[in-house]
């Protein structure tokens, strides 16, 4: 059952990854909030100058204008008080410190649990939240290479949401993996790092546990400028696993 904890609350969600936007917006809408979406900091600033919001959820790493730049501009030119919650891909102390230094109120590391996001929002808006407000995520263990329990918790029985998320994954991630393979052939390591960073949340959202560390290792090794056999092997494993996951999704979820 959807709660009304955030009834009459308007949220500006700033995130360049479509799957991440769908997850976050579905969570807050399930708790009664209205959501306006932006894909980068520049779009967010334009919206904040014309519309009124109670809270901003801001990704850090985005094209055009990143979350830190946008937050500093908001604090200096638009609002000194509107709560801003950062979404970070890395649980690094330095990055979290940068979020606070740029004027953000709090931060949340991706992938996040529904309860954690709602609790952060409630704390920033000083809304009381009891322990039964959000659903608990159930552990699912079977032979499948993916785990949809997080998406099912977010969607609360909304099959259309699940199907849309699966189709986004199937349409986007294999293309990104092929781009990564081509980038390795040309030893374009910055591009490999960028692609790994981009698809990391998608792998986490789909619960592909076997790739959780591997995609992070790809990002790290490419970031260190090492176009070696270890990187190639990781990309091959990524490619093979994604192909198997998609076959299972088509057979089990979309047939």
C-alpha atoms as a PDB file:
ATOM      1  CA  UNK A   1       0.000   0.000   0.000  1.00  0.00           C
ATOM      2  CA  UNK A   2       1.300   3.455  -0.853  1.00  0.00           C
ATOM      3  CA  UNK A   3       1.819   5.857   2.042  1.00  0.00           C
ATOM      4  CA  UNK A   4       0.952   9.561   2.181  1.00  0.00           C
ATOM      5  CA  UNK A   5       3.988  10.531   4.228  1.00  0.00           C
ATOM      6  CA  UNK A   6       5.106  13.029   1.567  1.00  0.00           C
ATOM      7  CA  UNK A   7       1.643  14.269   0.602  1.00  0.00           C
ATOM      8  CA  UNK A   8       1.756  17.806  -0.869  1.00  0.00           C
ATOM      9  CA  UNK A   9       5.562  17.666  -1.102  1.00  0.00           C
ATOM     10  CA  UNK A  10       7.122  18.681  -4.433  1.00  0.00           C
ATOM     11  CA  UNK A  11      10.503  17.181  -5.288  1.00  0.00           C
ATOM     12  CA  UNK A  12      12.952  18.154  -8.001  1.00  0.00           C
ATOM     13  CA  UNK A  13      14.891  15.037  -9.044  1.00  0.00           C
ATOM     14  CA  UNK A  14      18.136  15.754 -10.905  1.00  0.00           C
ATOM     15  CA  UNK A  15      19.738  12.612 -12.370  1.00  0.00           C
ATOM     16  CA  UNK A  16      21.105  11.815 -15.838  1.00  0.00           C
ATOM     17  CA  UNK A  17      20.519   8.037 -15.667  1.00  0.00           C
ATOM     18  CA  UNK A  18      16.972   7.163 -16.771  1.00  0.00           C
ATOM     19  CA  UNK A  19      16.776   3.978 -14.690  1.00  0.00           C
ATOM     20  CA  UNK A  20      17.949   5.840 -11.586  1.00  0.00           C
ATOM     21  CA  UNK A  21      15.351   8.542 -12.201  1.00  0.00           C
ATOM     22  CA  UNK A  22      12.619   5.949 -12.583  1.00  0.00           C
ATOM     23  CA  UNK A  23      13.610   4.222  -9.334  1.00  0.00           C
ATOM     24  CA  UNK A  24      13.884   7.398  -7.268  1.00  0.00           C
ATOM     25  CA  UNK A  25      10.755   9.047  -8.685  1.00  0.00           C
ATOM     26  CA  UNK A  26       8.691   5.895  -8.159  1.00  0.00           C
ATOM     27  CA  UNK A  27       9.806   5.702  -4.525  1.00  0.00           C
ATOM     28  CA  UNK A  28       8.894   9.274  -3.643  1.00  0.00           C
ATOM     29  CA  UNK A  29       5.655   9.187  -5.642  1.00  0.00           C
ATOM     30  CA  UNK A  30       4.653   6.014  -3.788  1.00  0.00           C
ATOM     31  CA  UNK A  31       4.850   8.094  -0.610  1.00  0.00           C
ATOM     32  CA  UNK A  32       2.666  10.904  -1.934  1.00  0.00           C
ATOM     33  CA  UNK A  33       5.147  13.416  -3.373  1.00  0.00           C
ATOM     34  CA  UNK A  34       5.001  15.018  -6.796  1.00  0.00           C
ATOM     35  CA  UNK A  35       8.196  14.790  -8.857  1.00  0.00           C
ATOM     36  CA  UNK A  36       9.695  16.995 -11.543  1.00  0.00           C
ATOM     37  CA  UNK A  37      12.720  15.552 -13.343  1.00  0.00           C
ATOM     38  CA  UNK A  38      15.859  17.165 -14.750  1.00  0.00           C
ATOM     39  CA  UNK A  39      18.782  15.434 -16.461  1.00  0.00           C
ATOM     40  CA  UNK A  40      21.573  17.799 -15.378  1.00  0.00           C
ATOM     41  CA  UNK A  41      22.363  20.732 -13.140  1.00  0.00           C
ATOM     42  CA  UNK A  42      21.663  23.349 -15.821  1.00  0.00           C
ATOM     43  CA  UNK A  43      18.114  22.042 -16.340  1.00  0.00           C
ATOM     44  CA  UNK A  44      17.634  22.002 -12.564  1.00  0.00           C
ATOM     45  CA  UNK A  45      18.629  25.658 -12.206  1.00  0.00           C
ATOM     46  CA  UNK A  46      16.195  26.668 -14.945  1.00  0.00           C
ATOM     47  CA  UNK A  47      13.370  24.829 -13.180  1.00  0.00           C
ATOM     48  CA  UNK A  48      14.243  26.269  -9.756  1.00  0.00           C
ATOM     49  CA  UNK A  49      14.093  29.783 -11.169  1.00  0.00           C
ATOM     50  CA  UNK A  50      10.532  29.300 -12.460  1.00  0.00           C
ATOM     51  CA  UNK A  51       8.931  26.747 -10.097  1.00  0.00           C
ATOM     52  CA  UNK A  52       8.771  26.141  -6.349  1.00  0.00           C
ATOM     53  CA  UNK A  53       9.975  22.889  -4.776  1.00  0.00           C
ATOM     54  CA  UNK A  54      10.197  21.654  -1.218  1.00  0.00           C
ATOM     55  CA  UNK A  55      13.335  19.556  -1.789  1.00  0.00           C
ATOM     56  CA  UNK A  56      15.980  18.705  -4.395  1.00  0.00           C
ATOM     57  CA  UNK A  57      17.510  15.262  -4.940  1.00  0.00           C
ATOM     58  CA  UNK A  58      20.721  15.859  -6.859  1.00  0.00           C
ATOM     59  CA  UNK A  59      23.085  13.384  -8.520  1.00  0.00           C
ATOM     60  CA  UNK A  60      26.751  14.379  -8.305  1.00  0.00           C
ATOM     61  CA  UNK A  61      28.189  13.166 -11.623  1.00  0.00           C
ATOM     62  CA  UNK A  62      26.227  14.572 -14.570  1.00  0.00           C
ATOM     63  CA  UNK A  63      27.061  16.091 -17.964  1.00  0.00           C
ATOM     64  CA  UNK A  64      26.654  19.811 -18.761  1.00  0.00           C
ATOM     65  CA  UNK A  65      26.669  20.820 -15.072  1.00  0.00           C
ATOM     66  CA  UNK A  66      27.373  18.448 -12.192  1.00  0.00           C
ATOM     67  CA  UNK A  67      25.604  18.358  -8.853  1.00  0.00           C
ATOM     68  CA  UNK A  68      28.290  20.189  -6.879  1.00  0.00           C
ATOM     69  CA  UNK A  69      28.333  23.109  -9.305  1.00  0.00           C
ATOM     70  CA  UNK A  70      24.546  23.283  -9.371  1.00  0.00           C
ATOM     71  CA  UNK A  71      24.286  23.192  -5.580  1.00  0.00           C
ATOM     72  CA  UNK A  72      26.788  26.003  -5.153  1.00  0.00           C
ATOM     73  CA  UNK A  73      24.836  28.113  -7.649  1.00  0.00           C
ATOM     74  CA  UNK A  74      21.560  27.360  -5.845  1.00  0.00           C
ATOM     75  CA  UNK A  75      22.995  28.455  -2.499  1.00  0.00           C
ATOM     76  CA  UNK A  76      24.543  31.634  -3.905  1.00  0.00           C
ATOM     77  CA  UNK A  77      21.787  32.762  -6.249  1.00  0.00           C
ATOM     78  CA  UNK A  78      18.470  30.960  -5.703  1.00  0.00           C
ATOM     79  CA  UNK A  79      17.889  29.632  -2.178  1.00  0.00           C
ATOM     80  CA  UNK A  80      19.932  29.332   0.973  1.00  0.00           C
ATOM     81  CA  UNK A  81      17.392  27.054   2.626  1.00  0.00           C
ATOM     82  CA  UNK A  82      15.865  24.548   0.183  1.00  0.00           C
ATOM     83  CA  UNK A  83      17.039  21.055   1.278  1.00  0.00           C
ATOM     84  CA  UNK A  84      19.354  19.303  -1.197  1.00  0.00           C
ATOM     85  CA  UNK A  85      20.121  15.586  -0.900  1.00  0.00           C
ATOM     86  CA  UNK A  86      23.079  14.343  -2.922  1.00  0.00           C
ATOM     87  CA  UNK A  87      23.118  11.008  -4.733  1.00  0.00           C
ATOM     88  CA  UNK A  88      26.679   9.698  -4.878  1.00  0.00           C
ATOM     89  CA  UNK A  89      28.087   6.664  -6.658  1.00  0.00           C
ATOM     90  CA  UNK A  90      31.040   6.353  -4.293  1.00  0.00           C
ATOM     91  CA  UNK A  91      30.995   6.030  -0.515  1.00  0.00           C
ATOM     92  CA  UNK A  92      34.186   8.071  -0.278  1.00  0.00           C
ATOM     93  CA  UNK A  93      34.669  10.462   2.601  1.00  0.00           C
ATOM     94  CA  UNK A  94      36.145  13.105   0.330  1.00  0.00           C
ATOM     95  CA  UNK A  95      33.171  13.103  -2.011  1.00  0.00           C
ATOM     96  CA  UNK A  96      30.719  13.246   0.889  1.00  0.00           C
ATOM     97  CA  UNK A  97      32.650  16.164   2.363  1.00  0.00           C
ATOM     98  CA  UNK A  98      32.462  17.917  -1.003  1.00  0.00           C
ATOM     99  CA  UNK A  99      28.677  17.496  -1.001  1.00  0.00           C
ATOM    100  CA  UNK A 100      28.347  19.260   2.336  1.00  0.00           C
ATOM    101  CA  UNK A 101      30.892  21.931   1.380  1.00  0.00           C
ATOM    102  CA  UNK A 102      28.903  22.763  -1.764  1.00  0.00           C
ATOM    103  CA  UNK A 103      25.801  23.457   0.320  1.00  0.00           C
ATOM    104  CA  UNK A 104      24.013  20.115   0.253  1.00  0.00           C
ATOM    105  CA  UNK A 105      22.210  19.022   3.414  1.00  0.00           C
ATOM    106  CA  UNK A 106      22.826  15.283   3.214  1.00  0.00           C
ATOM    107  CA  UNK A 107      23.959  12.518   0.872  1.00  0.00           C
ATOM    108  CA  UNK A 108      22.964   8.991  -0.084  1.00  0.00           C
ATOM    109  CA  UNK A 109      25.149   6.399  -1.793  1.00  0.00           C
ATOM    110  CA  UNK A 110      23.739   4.503  -4.800  1.00  0.00           C
ATOM    111  CA  UNK A 111      22.283   1.942  -4.927  1.00  0.00           C
ATOM    112  CA  UNK A 112      20.096   2.949  -1.999  1.00  0.00           C
ATOM    113  CA  UNK A 113      17.254   1.299  -0.143  1.00  0.00           C
ATOM    114  CA  UNK A 114      13.776   2.799  -0.280  1.00  0.00           C
ATOM    115  CA  UNK A 115      13.737   3.223   3.483  1.00  0.00           C
ATOM    116  CA  UNK A 116      17.024   5.146   3.450  1.00  0.00           C
ATOM    117  CA  UNK A 117      15.849   7.619   0.798  1.00  0.00           C
ATOM    118  CA  UNK A 118      12.528   8.261   2.530  1.00  0.00           C
ATOM    119  CA  UNK A 119      14.274   8.666   5.877  1.00  0.00           C
ATOM    120  CA  UNK A 120      16.710  11.217   4.407  1.00  0.00           C
ATOM    121  CA  UNK A 121      13.824  13.184   2.885  1.00  0.00           C
ATOM    122  CA  UNK A 122      11.845  13.021   6.133  1.00  0.00           C
ATOM    123  CA  UNK A 123      14.824  14.211   8.161  1.00  0.00           C
ATOM    124  CA  UNK A 124      15.482  17.136   5.825  1.00  0.00           C
ATOM    125  CA  UNK A 125      11.823  18.189   5.855  1.00  0.00           C
ATOM    126  CA  UNK A 126      11.396  17.368   9.571  1.00  0.00           C
ATOM    127  CA  UNK A 127       8.602  14.897   8.937  1.00  0.00           C
ATOM    128  CA  UNK A 128       8.040  12.175  11.540  1.00  0.00           C
ATOM    129  CA  UNK A 129       8.380   8.681  10.055  1.00  0.00           C
ATOM    130  CA  UNK A 130       7.371   5.536  11.931  1.00  0.00           C
ATOM    131  CA  UNK A 131       8.983   2.140  11.368  1.00  0.00           C
ATOM    132  CA  UNK A 132       6.059   0.823   9.303  1.00  0.00           C
ATOM    133  CA  UNK A 133       6.107   3.596   6.727  1.00  0.00           C
ATOM    134  CA  UNK A 134       8.299   1.848   4.198  1.00  0.00           C
ATOM    135  CA  UNK A 135       8.435  -1.764   3.047  1.00  0.00           C
ATOM    136  CA  UNK A 136      11.299  -4.071   3.922  1.00  0.00           C
ATOM    137  CA  UNK A 137      13.338  -5.534   1.088  1.00  0.00           C
ATOM    138  CA  UNK A 138      13.096  -9.308   0.952  1.00  0.00           C
ATOM    139  CA  UNK A 139      16.049 -11.499   0.098  1.00  0.00           C
ATOM    140  CA  UNK A 140      15.492 -13.737  -2.899  1.00  0.00           C
ATOM    141  CA  UNK A 141      17.832 -16.636  -3.565  1.00  0.00           C
ATOM    142  CA  UNK A 142      17.413 -18.781  -6.649  1.00  0.00           C
ATOM    143  CA  UNK A 143      19.364 -19.908  -9.678  1.00  0.00           C
ATOM    144  CA  UNK A 144      18.748 -16.688 -11.573  1.00  0.00           C
ATOM    145  CA  UNK A 145      21.586 -14.287 -12.190  1.00  0.00           C
ATOM    146  CA  UNK A 146      19.471 -11.294 -11.240  1.00  0.00           C
ATOM    147  CA  UNK A 147      17.306 -10.302  -8.279  1.00  0.00           C
ATOM    148  CA  UNK A 148      14.281  -8.067  -8.826  1.00  0.00           C
ATOM    149  CA  UNK A 149      13.380  -7.759  -5.146  1.00  0.00           C
ATOM    150  CA  UNK A 150      14.545  -4.143  -4.949  1.00  0.00           C
ATOM    151  CA  UNK A 151      12.532  -3.152  -8.023  1.00  0.00           C
ATOM    152  CA  UNK A 152       9.522  -5.078  -6.742  1.00  0.00           C
ATOM    153  CA  UNK A 153       9.758  -3.252  -3.431  1.00  0.00           C
ATOM    154  CA  UNK A 154       9.944   0.092  -5.195  1.00  0.00           C
ATOM    155  CA  UNK A 155       7.143  -0.757  -7.624  1.00  0.00           C
ATOM    156  CA  UNK A 156       4.824  -2.176  -4.930  1.00  0.00           C
ATOM    157  CA  UNK A 157       3.111  -4.533  -7.332  1.00  0.00           C
ATOM    158  CA  UNK A 158       3.184  -2.173 -10.301  1.00  0.00           C
ATOM    159  CA  UNK A 159       4.029  -4.592 -13.095  1.00  0.00           C
ATOM    160  CA  UNK A 160       4.208  -1.783 -15.650  1.00  0.00           C
ATOM    161  CA  UNK A 161       7.068  -0.239 -13.673  1.00  0.00           C
ATOM    162  CA  UNK A 162       8.965  -3.551 -13.536  1.00  0.00           C
ATOM    163  CA  UNK A 163       8.475  -4.179 -17.258  1.00  0.00           C
ATOM    164  CA  UNK A 164       9.645  -0.681 -18.141  1.00  0.00           C
ATOM    165  CA  UNK A 165      12.776  -1.084 -16.023  1.00  0.00           C
ATOM    166  CA  UNK A 166      13.564  -4.449 -17.620  1.00  0.00           C
ATOM    167  CA  UNK A 167      13.097  -3.080 -21.127  1.00  0.00           C
ATOM    168  CA  UNK A 168      15.329  -0.103 -20.362  1.00  0.00           C
ATOM    169  CA  UNK A 169      18.019  -2.481 -19.147  1.00  0.00           C
ATOM    170  CA  UNK A 170      17.701  -4.721 -22.202  1.00  0.00           C
ATOM    171  CA  UNK A 171      17.732  -1.762 -24.613  1.00  0.00           C
ATOM    172  CA  UNK A 172      20.580   0.210 -23.072  1.00  0.00           C
ATOM    173  CA  UNK A 173      23.082  -1.983 -21.246  1.00  0.00           C
ATOM    174  CA  UNK A 174      24.133  -4.347 -24.095  1.00  0.00           C
ATOM    175  CA  UNK A 175      24.774  -1.292 -26.290  1.00  0.00           C
ATOM    176  CA  UNK A 176      26.977   0.159 -23.558  1.00  0.00           C
ATOM    177  CA  UNK A 177      28.873  -3.124 -23.176  1.00  0.00           C
ATOM    178  CA  UNK A 178      29.544  -3.225 -26.932  1.00  0.00           C
ATOM    179  CA  UNK A 179      30.822   0.355 -26.746  1.00  0.00           C
ATOM    180  CA  UNK A 180      33.099  -0.728 -23.920  1.00  0.00           C
ATOM    181  CA  UNK A 181      34.491  -3.630 -25.968  1.00  0.00           C
ATOM    182  CA  UNK A 182      35.176  -1.306 -28.899  1.00  0.00           C
ATOM    183  CA  UNK A 183      36.833   1.176 -26.547  1.00  0.00           C
ATOM    184  CA  UNK A 184      39.147  -1.566 -25.281  1.00  0.00           C
ATOM    185  CA  UNK A 185      40.162  -2.445 -28.825  1.00  0.00           C
ATOM    186  CA  UNK A 186      41.216   1.159 -29.378  1.00  0.00           C
ATOM    187  CA  UNK A 187      42.594   1.423 -25.830  1.00  0.00           C
ATOM    188  CA  UNK A 188      40.255   4.309 -25.051  1.00  0.00           C
ATOM    189  CA  UNK A 189      40.483   3.779 -21.295  1.00  0.00           C
ATOM    190  CA  UNK A 190      38.716   7.010 -20.230  1.00  0.00           C
ATOM    191  CA  UNK A 191      35.705   5.919 -22.267  1.00  0.00           C
ATOM    192  CA  UNK A 192      35.724   2.483 -20.601  1.00  0.00           C
ATOM    193  CA  UNK A 193      35.790   4.138 -17.198  1.00  0.00           C
ATOM    194  CA  UNK A 194      32.923   6.451 -18.166  1.00  0.00           C
ATOM    195  CA  UNK A 195      30.767   3.598 -19.493  1.00  0.00           C
ATOM    196  CA  UNK A 196      31.426   1.457 -16.418  1.00  0.00           C
ATOM    197  CA  UNK A 197      30.415   4.357 -14.187  1.00  0.00           C
ATOM    198  CA  UNK A 198      27.249   4.868 -16.243  1.00  0.00           C
ATOM    199  CA  UNK A 199      26.002   1.266 -16.170  1.00  0.00           C
ATOM    200  CA  UNK A 200      27.072   0.494 -12.594  1.00  0.00           C
ATOM    201  CA  UNK A 201      23.726   1.650 -11.108  1.00  0.00           C
ATOM    202  CA  UNK A 202      21.803  -0.376 -13.698  1.00  0.00           C
ATOM    203  CA  UNK A 203      23.637  -3.542 -12.656  1.00  0.00           C
ATOM    204  CA  UNK A 204      23.012  -2.757  -8.995  1.00  0.00           C
ATOM    205  CA  UNK A 205      19.311  -2.022  -9.566  1.00  0.00           C
ATOM    206  CA  UNK A 206      18.891  -5.352 -11.345  1.00  0.00           C
ATOM    207  CA  UNK A 207      20.516  -7.211  -8.450  1.00  0.00           C
ATOM    208  CA  UNK A 208      23.234  -8.832 -10.583  1.00  0.00           C
ATOM    209  CA  UNK A 209      25.410  -9.687  -7.597  1.00  0.00           C
ATOM    210  CA  UNK A 210      28.099 -11.489  -9.606  1.00  0.00           C
ATOM    211  CA  UNK A 211      28.892  -8.241 -11.451  1.00  0.00           C
ATOM    212  CA  UNK A 212      28.721  -5.841  -8.508  1.00  0.00           C
ATOM    213  CA  UNK A 213      32.456  -5.858  -7.814  1.00  0.00           C
ATOM    214  CA  UNK A 214      33.510  -6.611 -11.386  1.00  0.00           C
ATOM    215  CA  UNK A 215      31.963  -3.447 -12.827  1.00  0.00           C
ATOM    216  CA  UNK A 216      33.694  -1.441 -10.107  1.00  0.00           C
ATOM    217  CA  UNK A 217      36.973  -3.148 -10.884  1.00  0.00           C
ATOM    218  CA  UNK A 218      36.571  -2.279 -14.568  1.00  0.00           C
ATOM    219  CA  UNK A 219      36.002   1.366 -13.659  1.00  0.00           C
ATOM    220  CA  UNK A 220      39.001   1.374 -11.306  1.00  0.00           C
ATOM    221  CA  UNK A 221      41.462  -0.393 -13.627  1.00  0.00           C
ATOM    222  CA  UNK A 222      40.502   1.753 -16.621  1.00  0.00           C
ATOM    223  CA  UNK A 223      40.773   4.837 -14.426  1.00  0.00           C
ATOM    224  CA  UNK A 224      44.333   3.834 -13.576  1.00  0.00           C
ATOM    225  CA  UNK A 225      45.171   3.683 -17.278  1.00  0.00           C
ATOM    226  CA  UNK A 226      45.772  -0.067 -17.324  1.00  0.00           C
ATOM    227  CA  UNK A 227      44.532  -1.547 -20.601  1.00  0.00           C
ATOM    228  CA  UNK A 228      45.715  -5.012 -19.652  1.00  0.00           C
ATOM    229  CA  UNK A 229      44.515  -8.623 -19.894  1.00  0.00           C
ATOM    230  CA  UNK A 230      42.779  -8.366 -16.514  1.00  0.00           C
ATOM    231  CA  UNK A 231      40.624  -5.558 -17.874  1.00  0.00           C
ATOM    232  CA  UNK A 232      39.871  -7.531 -21.036  1.00  0.00           C
ATOM    233  CA  UNK A 233      38.879 -10.597 -19.005  1.00  0.00           C
ATOM    234  CA  UNK A 234      36.548  -8.512 -16.820  1.00  0.00           C
ATOM    235  CA  UNK A 235      34.892  -6.983 -19.866  1.00  0.00           C
ATOM    236  CA  UNK A 236      34.428 -10.468 -21.368  1.00  0.00           C
ATOM    237  CA  UNK A 237      32.800 -11.696 -18.157  1.00  0.00           C
ATOM    238  CA  UNK A 238      30.577  -8.613 -18.129  1.00  0.00           C
ATOM    239  CA  UNK A 239      29.536  -9.238 -21.740  1.00  0.00           C
ATOM    240  CA  UNK A 240      28.773 -12.938 -21.171  1.00  0.00           C
ATOM    241  CA  UNK A 241      26.880 -12.366 -17.940  1.00  0.00           C
ATOM    242  CA  UNK A 242      24.752  -9.550 -19.355  1.00  0.00           C
ATOM    243  CA  UNK A 243      23.823 -11.790 -22.303  1.00  0.00           C
ATOM    244  CA  UNK A 244      22.756 -14.574 -19.918  1.00  0.00           C
ATOM    245  CA  UNK A 245      20.803 -12.159 -17.722  1.00  0.00           C
ATOM    246  CA  UNK A 246      18.894 -10.815 -20.710  1.00  0.00           C
ATOM    247  CA  UNK A 247      18.073 -14.344 -21.884  1.00  0.00           C
ATOM    248  CA  UNK A 248      16.734 -15.145 -18.407  1.00  0.00           C
ATOM    249  CA  UNK A 249      14.736 -11.900 -18.273  1.00  0.00           C
ATOM    250  CA  UNK A 250      13.123 -12.598 -21.632  1.00  0.00           C
ATOM    251  CA  UNK A 251      12.303 -16.189 -20.623  1.00  0.00           C
ATOM    252  CA  UNK A 252      11.157 -15.563 -17.047  1.00  0.00           C
ATOM    253  CA  UNK A 253       9.842 -12.013 -16.887  1.00  0.00           C
ATOM    254  CA  UNK A 254       8.812 -10.839 -20.344  1.00  0.00           C
ATOM    255  CA  UNK A 255       7.436 -13.979 -21.978  1.00  0.00           C
END
